[in-house]
Amino acid sequence: ILSELISKSNIEQIESFVTGILKTVFFDRDFSFVVEVSEKRDAKN
């Protein structure tokens, strides 16, 4: 679903949102959530 609605602003929001939760829960680990998007024939992956 995320692949279908993804945009640059959404990517930053999603990464920040999930990363914040990961850092809250797994307090002793330096986790981050990373999204990489590629486009082929007008389709986003």
All heavy atoms as atom14 arrays in JSON, in Angstrom:
{
  "sequence": "ILSELISKSNIEQIESFVTGILKTVFFDRDFSFVVEVSEKRDAKN",
  "atom14_mask": [
    [1, 1, 1, 1, 1, 1, 1, 1, 0, 0, 0, 0, 0, 0],
    [1, 1, 1, 1, 1, 1, 1, 1, 0, 0, 0, 0, 0, 0],
    [1, 1, 1, 1, 1, 1, 0, 0, 0, 0, 0, 0, 0, 0],
    [1, 1, 1, 1, 1, 1, 1, 1, 1, 0, 0, 0, 0, 0],
    [1, 1, 1, 1, 1, 1, 1, 1, 0, 0, 0, 0, 0, 0],
    [1, 1, 1, 1, 1, 1, 1, 1, 0, 0, 0, 0, 0, 0],
    [1, 1, 1, 1, 1, 1, 0, 0, 0, 0, 0, 0, 0, 0],
    [1, 1, 1, 1, 1, 1, 1, 1, 1, 0, 0, 0, 0, 0],
    [1, 1, 1, 1, 1, 1, 0, 0, 0, 0, 0, 0, 0, 0],
    [1, 1, 1, 1, 1, 1, 1, 1, 0, 0, 0, 0, 0, 0],
    [1, 1, 1, 1, 1, 1, 1, 1, 0, 0, 0, 0, 0, 0],
    [1, 1, 1, 1, 1, 1, 1, 1, 1, 0, 0, 0, 0, 0],
    [1, 1, 1, 1, 1, 1, 1, 1, 1, 0, 0, 0, 0, 0],
    [1, 1, 1, 1, 1, 1, 1, 1, 0, 0, 0, 0, 0, 0],
    [1, 1, 1, 1, 1, 1, 1, 1, 1, 0, 0, 0, 0, 0],
    [1, 1, 1, 1, 1, 1, 0, 0, 0, 0, 0, 0, 0, 0],
    [1, 1, 1, 1, 1, 1, 1, 1, 1, 1, 1, 0, 0, 0],
    [1, 1, 1, 1, 1, 1, 1, 0, 0, 0, 0, 0, 0, 0],
    [1, 1, 1, 1, 1, 1, 1, 0, 0, 0, 0, 0, 0, 0],
    [1, 1, 1, 1, 0, 0, 0, 0, 0, 0, 0, 0, 0, 0],
    [1, 1, 1, 1, 1, 1, 1, 1, 0, 0, 0, 0, 0, 0],
    [1, 1, 1, 1, 1, 1, 1, 1, 0, 0, 0, 0, 0, 0],
    [1, 1, 1, 1, 1, 1, 1, 1, 1, 0, 0, 0, 0, 0],
    [1, 1, 1, 1, 1, 1, 1, 0, 0, 0, 0, 0, 0, 0],
    [1, 1, 1, 1, 1, 1, 1, 0, 0, 0, 0, 0, 0, 0],
    [1, 1, 1, 1, 1, 1, 1, 1, 1, 1, 1, 0, 0, 0],
    [1, 1, 1, 1, 1, 1, 1, 1, 1, 1, 1, 0, 0, 0],
    [1, 1, 1, 1, 1, 1, 1, 1, 0, 0, 0, 0, 0, 0],
    [1, 1, 1, 1, 1, 1, 1, 1, 1, 1, 1, 0, 0, 0],
    [1, 1, 1, 1, 1, 1, 1, 1, 0, 0, 0, 0, 0, 0],
    [1, 1, 1, 1, 1, 1, 1, 1, 1, 1, 1, 0, 0, 0],
    [1, 1, 1, 1, 1, 1, 0, 0, 0, 0, 0, 0, 0, 0],
    [1, 1, 1, 1, 1, 1, 1, 1, 1, 1, 1, 0, 0, 0],
    [1, 1, 1, 1, 1, 1, 1, 0, 0, 0, 0, 0, 0, 0],
    [1, 1, 1, 1, 1, 1, 1, 0, 0, 0, 0, 0, 0, 0],
    [1, 1, 1, 1, 1, 1, 1, 1, 1, 0, 0, 0, 0, 0],
    [1, 1, 1, 1, 1, 1, 1, 0, 0, 0, 0, 0, 0, 0],
    [1, 1, 1, 1, 1, 1, 0, 0, 0, 0, 0, 0, 0, 0],
    [1, 1, 1, 1, 1, 1, 1, 1, 1, 0, 0, 0, 0, 0],
    [1, 1, 1, 1, 1, 1, 1, 1, 1, 0, 0, 0, 0, 0],
    [1, 1, 1, 1, 1, 1, 1, 1, 1, 1, 1, 0, 0, 0],
    [1, 1, 1, 1, 1, 1, 1, 1, 0, 0, 0, 0, 0, 0],
    [1, 1, 1, 1, 1, 0, 0, 0, 0, 0, 0, 0, 0, 0],
    [1, 1, 1, 1, 1, 1, 1, 1, 1, 0, 0, 0, 0, 0],
    [1, 1, 1, 1, 1, 1, 1, 1, 0, 0, 0, 0, 0, 0]
  ],
  "atom14_positions": [
    [[0.84, -1.2, 0.0], [0.0, 0.0, 0.0], [0.87, 1.25, 0.0], [0.62, 2.21, -0.73], [-0.95, 0.0, 1.21], [-1.91, -1.19, 1.14], [-1.74, 1.3, 1.29], [-2.81, -1.33, 2.34], [0.0, 0.0, 0.0], [0.0, 0.0, 0.0], [0.0, 0.0, 0.0], [0.0, 0.0, 0.0], [0.0, 0.0, 0.0], [0.0, 0.0, 0.0]],
    [[1.92, 1.23, 0.82], [2.82, 2.39, 0.88], [3.46, 2.68, -0.48], [3.62, 3.84, -0.85], [3.93, 2.13, 1.91], [3.61, 2.47, 3.37], [4.77, 2.06, 4.25], [3.34, 3.94, 3.52], [0.0, 0.0, 0.0], [0.0, 0.0, 0.0], [0.0, 0.0, 0.0], [0.0, 0.0, 0.0], [0.0, 0.0, 0.0], [0.0, 0.0, 0.0]],
    [[3.79, 1.63, -1.21], [4.41, 1.82, -2.51], [3.5, 2.59, -3.45], [3.96, 3.34, -4.32], [4.75, 0.46, -3.14], [5.65, -0.25, -2.33], [0.0, 0.0, 0.0], [0.0, 0.0, 0.0], [0.0, 0.0, 0.0], [0.0, 0.0, 0.0], [0.0, 0.0, 0.0], [0.0, 0.0, 0.0], [0.0, 0.0, 0.0], [0.0, 0.0, 0.0]],
    [[2.19, 2.41, -3.29], [1.22, 3.06, -4.17], [1.01, 4.54, -3.84], [0.7, 5.34, -4.71], [-0.11, 2.31, -4.12], [0.0, 0.88, -4.65], [-1.26, 0.08, -4.4], [-2.19, 0.63, -3.77], [-1.32, -1.08, -4.83], [0.0, 0.0, 0.0], [0.0, 0.0, 0.0], [0.0, 0.0, 0.0], [0.0, 0.0, 0.0], [0.0, 0.0, 0.0]],
    [[1.14, 4.91, -2.57], [0.86, 6.29, -2.19], [2.11, 7.12, -1.93], [2.03, 8.28, -1.55], [-0.05, 6.32, -0.96], [0.43, 5.64, 0.34], [1.3, 6.58, 1.14], [-0.76, 5.22, 1.16], [0.0, 0.0, 0.0], [0.0, 0.0, 0.0], [0.0, 0.0, 0.0], [0.0, 0.0, 0.0], [0.0, 0.0, 0.0], [0.0, 0.0, 0.0]],
    [[3.27, 6.5, -2.18], [4.52, 7.12, -1.74], [4.84, 8.38, -2.55], [4.59, 8.45, -3.74], [5.68, 6.1, -1.83], [6.75, 6.4, -0.8], [6.3, 6.08, -3.21], [6.82, 5.4, 0.26], [0.0, 0.0, 0.0], [0.0, 0.0, 0.0], [0.0, 0.0, 0.0], [0.0, 0.0, 0.0], [0.0, 0.0, 0.0], [0.0, 0.0, 0.0]],
    [[5.38, 9.36, -1.9], [5.9, 10.56, -2.52], [7.07, 11.01, -1.66], [7.31, 10.45, -0.59], [4.84, 11.66, -2.59], [4.54, 12.12, -1.28], [0.0, 0.0, 0.0], [0.0, 0.0, 0.0], [0.0, 0.0, 0.0], [0.0, 0.0, 0.0], [0.0, 0.0, 0.0], [0.0, 0.0, 0.0], [0.0, 0.0, 0.0], [0.0, 0.0, 0.0]],
    [[7.79, 12.02, -2.12], [8.96, 12.45, -1.36], [8.59, 12.91, 0.05], [9.24, 12.55, 1.03], [9.69, 13.58, -2.1], [10.97, 14.0, -1.41], [11.73, 15.04, -2.2], [13.02, 15.42, -1.48], [13.79, 16.45, -2.24], [0.0, 0.0, 0.0], [0.0, 0.0, 0.0], [0.0, 0.0, 0.0], [0.0, 0.0, 0.0], [0.0, 0.0, 0.0]],
    [[7.52, 13.69, 0.15], [7.1, 14.18, 1.47], [6.62, 13.02, 2.34], [6.88, 12.98, 3.55], [6.01, 15.23, 1.34], [4.86, 14.69, 0.71], [0.0, 0.0, 0.0], [0.0, 0.0, 0.0], [0.0, 0.0, 0.0], [0.0, 0.0, 0.0], [0.0, 0.0, 0.0], [0.0, 0.0, 0.0], [0.0, 0.0, 0.0], [0.0, 0.0, 0.0]],
    [[5.9, 12.08, 1.71], [5.43, 10.92, 2.48], [6.6, 10.07, 2.98], [6.56, 9.53, 4.09], [4.51, 10.05, 1.61], [3.15, 10.68, 1.42], [2.73, 11.51, 2.21], [2.47, 10.3, 0.35], [0.0, 0.0, 0.0], [0.0, 0.0, 0.0], [0.0, 0.0, 0.0], [0.0, 0.0, 0.0], [0.0, 0.0, 0.0], [0.0, 0.0, 0.0]],
    [[7.6, 9.91, 2.13], [8.78, 9.13, 2.53], [9.39, 9.7, 3.81], [9.68, 8.97, 4.76], [9.84, 9.13, 1.4], [9.34, 8.3, 0.23], [11.16, 8.55, 1.91], [10.25, 8.37, -0.98], [0.0, 0.0, 0.0], [0.0, 0.0, 0.0], [0.0, 0.0, 0.0], [0.0, 0.0, 0.0], [0.0, 0.0, 0.0], [0.0, 0.0, 0.0]],
    [[9.59, 11.01, 3.82], [10.2, 11.64, 4.99], [9.31, 11.48, 6.23], [9.81, 11.24, 7.33], [10.45, 13.12, 4.7], [11.5, 13.35, 3.62], [11.6, 14.81, 3.21], [10.76, 15.62, 3.69], [12.51, 15.15, 2.43], [0.0, 0.0, 0.0], [0.0, 0.0, 0.0], [0.0, 0.0, 0.0], [0.0, 0.0, 0.0], [0.0, 0.0, 0.0]],
    [[7.99, 11.61, 6.04], [7.06, 11.45, 7.16], [7.08, 10.02, 7.7], [7.13, 9.8, 8.92], [5.65, 11.81, 6.72], [5.42, 13.29, 6.47], [4.03, 13.58, 5.96], [3.18, 12.69, 5.91], [3.79, 14.82, 5.55], [0.0, 0.0, 0.0], [0.0, 0.0, 0.0], [0.0, 0.0, 0.0], [0.0, 0.0, 0.0], [0.0, 0.0, 0.0]],
    [[7.04, 9.07, 6.78], [7.02, 7.65, 7.19], [8.31, 7.29, 7.92], [8.29, 6.66, 8.98], [6.82, 6.74, 5.96], [5.43, 6.95, 5.37], [7.0, 5.26, 6.34], [5.27, 6.36, 3.99], [0.0, 0.0, 0.0], [0.0, 0.0, 0.0], [0.0, 0.0, 0.0], [0.0, 0.0, 0.0], [0.0, 0.0, 0.0], [0.0, 0.0, 0.0]],
    [[9.45, 7.68, 7.33], [10.74, 7.37, 7.95], [10.83, 7.98, 9.35], [11.25, 7.3, 10.3], [11.88, 7.89, 7.08], [12.1, 7.11, 5.8], [13.23, 7.67, 4.98], [13.51, 8.89, 5.1], [13.86, 6.91, 4.21], [0.0, 0.0, 0.0], [0.0, 0.0, 0.0], [0.0, 0.0, 0.0], [0.0, 0.0, 0.0], [0.0, 0.0, 0.0]],
    [[10.44, 9.23, 9.48], [10.51, 9.92, 10.76], [9.57, 9.29, 11.78], [9.94, 9.08, 12.95], [10.18, 11.4, 10.57], [10.16, 12.07, 11.82], [0.0, 0.0, 0.0], [0.0, 0.0, 0.0], [0.0, 0.0, 0.0], [0.0, 0.0, 0.0], [0.0, 0.0, 0.0], [0.0, 0.0, 0.0], [0.0, 0.0, 0.0], [0.0, 0.0, 0.0]],
    [[8.35, 8.96, 11.34], [7.34, 8.41, 12.23], [7.76, 7.04, 12.78], [7.77, 6.82, 14.0], [6.02, 8.28, 11.48], [4.88, 7.77, 12.32], [4.26, 8.6, 13.24], [4.42, 6.47, 12.18], [3.2, 8.13, 14.02], [3.38, 6.0, 12.96], [2.76, 6.83, 13.87], [0.0, 0.0, 0.0], [0.0, 0.0, 0.0], [0.0, 0.0, 0.0]],
    [[8.13, 6.13, 11.88], [8.51, 4.78, 12.3], [9.81, 4.79, 13.09], [9.96, 4.09, 14.09], [8.61, 3.82, 11.09], [9.04, 2.43, 11.53], [7.27, 3.75, 10.36], [0.0, 0.0, 0.0], [0.0, 0.0, 0.0], [0.0, 0.0, 0.0], [0.0, 0.0, 0.0], [0.0, 0.0, 0.0], [0.0, 0.0, 0.0], [0.0, 0.0, 0.0]],
    [[10.77, 5.63, 12.66], [12.04, 5.73, 13.38], [11.82, 6.2, 14.82], [12.43, 5.67, 15.76], [13.0, 6.7, 12.66], [13.33, 6.16, 11.38], [14.28, 6.9, 13.47], [0.0, 0.0, 0.0], [0.0, 0.0, 0.0], [0.0, 0.0, 0.0], [0.0, 0.0, 0.0], [0.0, 0.0, 0.0], [0.0, 0.0, 0.0], [0.0, 0.0, 0.0]],
    [[10.95, 7.18, 14.99], [10.66, 7.68, 16.34], [10.11, 6.6, 17.25], [10.48, 6.51, 18.43], [0.0, 0.0, 0.0], [0.0, 0.0, 0.0], [0.0, 0.0, 0.0], [0.0, 0.0, 0.0], [0.0, 0.0, 0.0], [0.0, 0.0, 0.0], [0.0, 0.0, 0.0], [0.0, 0.0, 0.0], [0.0, 0.0, 0.0], [0.0, 0.0, 0.0]],
    [[9.24, 5.76, 16.7], [8.66, 4.67, 17.5], [9.71, 3.62, 17.82], [9.8, 3.12, 18.96], [7.46, 4.05, 16.77], [6.34, 5.07, 16.63], [6.95, 2.81, 17.51], [5.2, 4.64, 15.74], [0.0, 0.0, 0.0], [0.0, 0.0, 0.0], [0.0, 0.0, 0.0], [0.0, 0.0, 0.0], [0.0, 0.0, 0.0], [0.0, 0.0, 0.0]],
    [[10.54, 3.28, 16.84], [11.61, 2.3, 17.08], [12.56, 2.77, 18.17], [12.97, 1.99, 19.04], [12.38, 2.06, 15.78], [11.69, 1.22, 14.71], [12.47, 1.26, 13.4], [11.52, -0.22, 15.17], [0.0, 0.0, 0.0], [0.0, 0.0, 0.0], [0.0, 0.0, 0.0], [0.0, 0.0, 0.0], [0.0, 0.0, 0.0], [0.0, 0.0, 0.0]],
    [[12.92, 4.05, 18.15], [13.84, 4.58, 19.16], [13.19, 4.65, 20.54], [13.87, 4.54, 21.57], [14.35, 5.96, 18.74], [15.29, 5.93, 17.54], [15.86, 7.3, 17.23], [16.8, 7.26, 16.04], [18.0, 6.42, 16.3], [0.0, 0.0, 0.0], [0.0, 0.0, 0.0], [0.0, 0.0, 0.0], [0.0, 0.0, 0.0], [0.0, 0.0, 0.0]],
    [[11.85, 4.84, 20.57], [11.14, 4.87, 21.85], [11.1, 3.48, 22.49], [11.35, 3.33, 23.68], [9.69, 5.38, 21.64], [9.74, 6.72, 21.17], [8.91, 5.32, 22.95], [0.0, 0.0, 0.0], [0.0, 0.0, 0.0], [0.0, 0.0, 0.0], [0.0, 0.0, 0.0], [0.0, 0.0, 0.0], [0.0, 0.0, 0.0], [0.0, 0.0, 0.0]],
    [[10.8, 2.48, 21.67], [10.63, 1.12, 22.2], [11.98, 0.45, 22.44], [12.26, -0.05, 23.53], [9.77, 0.27, 21.24], [9.66, -1.17, 21.76], [8.38, 0.88, 21.08], [0.0, 0.0, 0.0], [0.0, 0.0, 0.0], [0.0, 0.0, 0.0], [0.0, 0.0, 0.0], [0.0, 0.0, 0.0], [0.0, 0.0, 0.0], [0.0, 0.0, 0.0]],
    [[12.84, 0.46, 21.41], [14.15, -0.2, 21.5], [15.18, 0.86, 21.88], [16.03, 1.26, 21.07], [14.48, -0.89, 20.19], [13.44, -1.89, 19.77], [12.5, -1.57, 18.8], [13.36, -3.13, 20.38], [11.52, -2.47, 18.42], [12.39, -4.05, 20.02], [11.46, -3.72, 19.04], [0.0, 0.0, 0.0], [0.0, 0.0, 0.0], [0.0, 0.0, 0.0]],
    [[15.09, 1.3, 23.12], [15.82, 2.46, 23.62], [17.33, 2.3, 23.55], [18.07, 3.29, 23.48], [15.4, 2.74, 25.07], [15.71, 1.6, 26.0], [16.89, 1.56, 26.71], [14.82, 0.54, 26.13], [17.18, 0.49, 27.56], [15.1, -0.52, 26.98], [16.29, -0.55, 27.69], [0.0, 0.0, 0.0], [0.0, 0.0, 0.0], [0.0, 0.0, 0.0]],
    [[17.82, 1.07, 23.6], [19.26, 0.83, 23.65], [19.85, 0.46, 22.29], [21.01, 0.08, 22.19], [19.59, -0.28, 24.65], [18.88, -1.59, 24.32], [17.93, -1.57, 23.5], [19.27, -2.63, 24.88], [0.0, 0.0, 0.0], [0.0, 0.0, 0.0], [0.0, 0.0, 0.0], [0.0, 0.0, 0.0], [0.0, 0.0, 0.0], [0.0, 0.0, 0.0]],
    [[19.03, 0.59, 21.24], [19.5, 0.29, 19.88], [19.35, 1.54, 19.02], [18.39, 2.29, 19.16], [18.69, -0.86, 19.26], [18.6, -2.11, 20.12], [19.9, -2.88, 20.12], [20.19, -3.46, 18.82], [19.76, -4.68, 18.44], [19.01, -5.41, 19.26], [20.1, -5.16, 17.25], [0.0, 0.0, 0.0], [0.0, 0.0, 0.0], [0.0, 0.0, 0.0]],
    [[20.29, 1.77, 18.14], [20.24, 2.96, 17.28], [19.58, 2.58, 15.95], [20.23, 2.53, 14.9], [21.66, 3.49, 17.06], [21.66, 4.87, 16.43], [20.56, 5.44, 16.24], [22.76, 5.38, 16.14], [0.0, 0.0, 0.0], [0.0, 0.0, 0.0], [0.0, 0.0, 0.0], [0.0, 0.0, 0.0], [0.0, 0.0, 0.0], [0.0, 0.0, 0.0]],
    [[18.26, 2.33, 16.01], [17.5, 1.92, 14.83], [16.97, 3.13, 14.06], [16.61, 4.15, 14.65], [16.3, 1.06, 15.23], [16.64, -0.35, 15.6], [15.96, -0.98, 16.65], [17.6, -1.07, 14.9], [16.25, -2.29, 16.99], [17.91, -2.38, 15.24], [17.23, -2.99, 16.29], [0.0, 0.0, 0.0], [0.0, 0.0, 0.0], [0.0, 0.0, 0.0]],
    [[16.88, 2.97, 12.75], [16.18, 3.92, 11.89], [15.43, 3.15, 10.83], [15.85, 2.05, 10.44], [17.17, 4.89, 11.21], [17.84, 5.68, 12.17], [0.0, 0.0, 0.0], [0.0, 0.0, 0.0], [0.0, 0.0, 0.0], [0.0, 0.0, 0.0], [0.0, 0.0, 0.0], [0.0, 0.0, 0.0], [0.0, 0.0, 0.0], [0.0, 0.0, 0.0]],
    [[14.34, 3.73, 10.36], [13.54, 3.12, 9.3], [13.86, 3.85, 8.0], [13.77, 5.08, 7.93], [12.06, 3.22, 9.63], [11.16, 2.52, 8.67], [11.2, 1.14, 8.53], [10.25, 3.24, 7.9], [10.36, 0.49, 7.65], [9.41, 2.59, 7.0], [9.46, 1.21, 6.88], [0.0, 0.0, 0.0], [0.0, 0.0, 0.0], [0.0, 0.0, 0.0]],
    [[14.23, 3.11, 6.96], [14.68, 3.7, 5.71], [13.82, 3.2, 4.55], [13.55, 2.0, 4.44], [16.16, 3.36, 5.43], [16.62, 3.96, 4.1], [17.04, 3.85, 6.58], [0.0, 0.0, 0.0], [0.0, 0.0, 0.0], [0.0, 0.0, 0.0], [0.0, 0.0, 0.0], [0.0, 0.0, 0.0], [0.0, 0.0, 0.0], [0.0, 0.0, 0.0]],
    [[13.41, 4.14, 3.7], [12.6, 3.82, 2.52], [13.38, 4.21, 1.28], [13.87, 5.33, 1.16], [11.25, 4.57, 2.52], [10.42, 4.18, 1.31], [10.49, 4.3, 3.82], [0.0, 0.0, 0.0], [0.0, 0.0, 0.0], [0.0, 0.0, 0.0], [0.0, 0.0, 0.0], [0.0, 0.0, 0.0], [0.0, 0.0, 0.0], [0.0, 0.0, 0.0]],
    [[13.51, 3.28, 0.34], [14.15, 3.56, -0.94], [13.13, 3.31, -2.05], [12.51, 2.25, -2.1], [15.38, 2.68, -1.15], [16.53, 3.01, -0.21], [17.77, 2.19, -0.5], [17.72, 1.35, -1.43], [18.78, 2.38, 0.21], [0.0, 0.0, 0.0], [0.0, 0.0, 0.0], [0.0, 0.0, 0.0], [0.0, 0.0, 0.0], [0.0, 0.0, 0.0]],
    [[12.96, 4.29, -2.94], [11.95, 4.2, -3.98], [12.6, 4.25, -5.36], [13.48, 5.08, -5.61], [10.92, 5.36, -3.86], [9.88, 5.28, -4.98], [10.24, 5.31, -2.5], [0.0, 0.0, 0.0], [0.0, 0.0, 0.0], [0.0, 0.0, 0.0], [0.0, 0.0, 0.0], [0.0, 0.0, 0.0], [0.0, 0.0, 0.0], [0.0, 0.0, 0.0]],
    [[12.16, 3.35, -6.22], [12.6, 3.36, -7.61], [11.38, 3.41, -8.52], [10.28, 3.0, -8.12], [13.45, 2.12, -7.93], [12.69, 0.94, -7.7], [0.0, 0.0, 0.0], [0.0, 0.0, 0.0], [0.0, 0.0, 0.0], [0.0, 0.0, 0.0], [0.0, 0.0, 0.0], [0.0, 0.0, 0.0], [0.0, 0.0, 0.0], [0.0, 0.0, 0.0]],
    [[11.56, 3.94, -9.72], [10.45, 4.06, -10.66], [10.78, 3.34, -11.97], [11.87, 3.51, -12.52], [10.12, 5.52, -10.95], [9.52, 6.25, -9.77], [8.97, 7.62, -10.17], [8.53, 7.76, -11.33], [8.98, 8.52, -9.32], [0.0, 0.0, 0.0], [0.0, 0.0, 0.0], [0.0, 0.0, 0.0], [0.0, 0.0, 0.0], [0.0, 0.0, 0.0]],
    [[9.83, 2.53, -12.43], [9.97, 1.85, -13.71], [8.64, 1.95, -14.46], [7.61, 1.48, -13.97], [10.33, 0.38, -13.49], [11.75, 0.16, -12.94], [12.06, -1.32, -12.82], [13.48, -1.54, -12.29], [13.78, -2.99, -12.15], [0.0, 0.0, 0.0], [0.0, 0.0, 0.0], [0.0, 0.0, 0.0], [0.0, 0.0, 0.0], [0.0, 0.0, 0.0]],
    [[8.7, 2.58, -15.63], [7.51, 2.71, -16.48], [6.33, 3.31, -15.7], [5.23, 2.75, -15.66], [7.11, 1.35, -17.06], [8.17, 0.75, -17.98], [7.73, -0.59, -18.51], [8.78, -1.17, -19.36], [8.68, -2.38, -19.93], [7.59, -3.11, -19.74], [9.66, -2.84, -20.69], [0.0, 0.0, 0.0], [0.0, 0.0, 0.0], [0.0, 0.0, 0.0]],
    [[6.61, 4.4, -15.04], [5.59, 5.14, -14.28], [5.05, 4.38, -13.07], [4.06, 4.78, -12.46], [4.4, 5.54, -15.18], [4.85, 6.47, -16.3], [5.76, 7.28, -16.06], [4.28, 6.37, -17.4], [0.0, 0.0, 0.0], [0.0, 0.0, 0.0], [0.0, 0.0, 0.0], [0.0, 0.0, 0.0], [0.0, 0.0, 0.0], [0.0, 0.0, 0.0]],
    [[5.69, 3.29, -12.72], [5.28, 2.52, -11.53], [6.35, 2.67, -10.45], [7.55, 2.58, -10.75], [5.08, 1.05, -11.87], [0.0, 0.0, 0.0], [0.0, 0.0, 0.0], [0.0, 0.0, 0.0], [0.0, 0.0, 0.0], [0.0, 0.0, 0.0], [0.0, 0.0, 0.0], [0.0, 0.0, 0.0], [0.0, 0.0, 0.0], [0.0, 0.0, 0.0]],
    [[5.92, 2.91, -9.23], [6.85, 3.09, -8.12], [7.02, 1.79, -7.35], [6.06, 1.07, -7.1], [6.34, 4.18, -7.18], [6.32, 5.57, -7.81], [5.79, 6.6, -6.84], [5.77, 7.98, -7.48], [5.22, 9.0, -6.57], [0.0, 0.0, 0.0], [0.0, 0.0, 0.0], [0.0, 0.0, 0.0], [0.0, 0.0, 0.0], [0.0, 0.0, 0.0]],
    [[8.25, 1.54, -7.01], [8.57, 0.36, -6.21], [9.34, 0.8, -4.97], [10.35, 1.49, -5.07], [9.39, -0.64, -7.02], [9.72, -1.87, -6.21], [8.83, -2.49, -5.62], [10.99, -2.23, -6.18], [0.0, 0.0, 0.0], [0.0, 0.0, 0.0], [0.0, 0.0, 0.0], [0.0, 0.0, 0.0], [0.0, 0.0, 0.0], [0.0, 0.0, 0.0]]
  ]
}
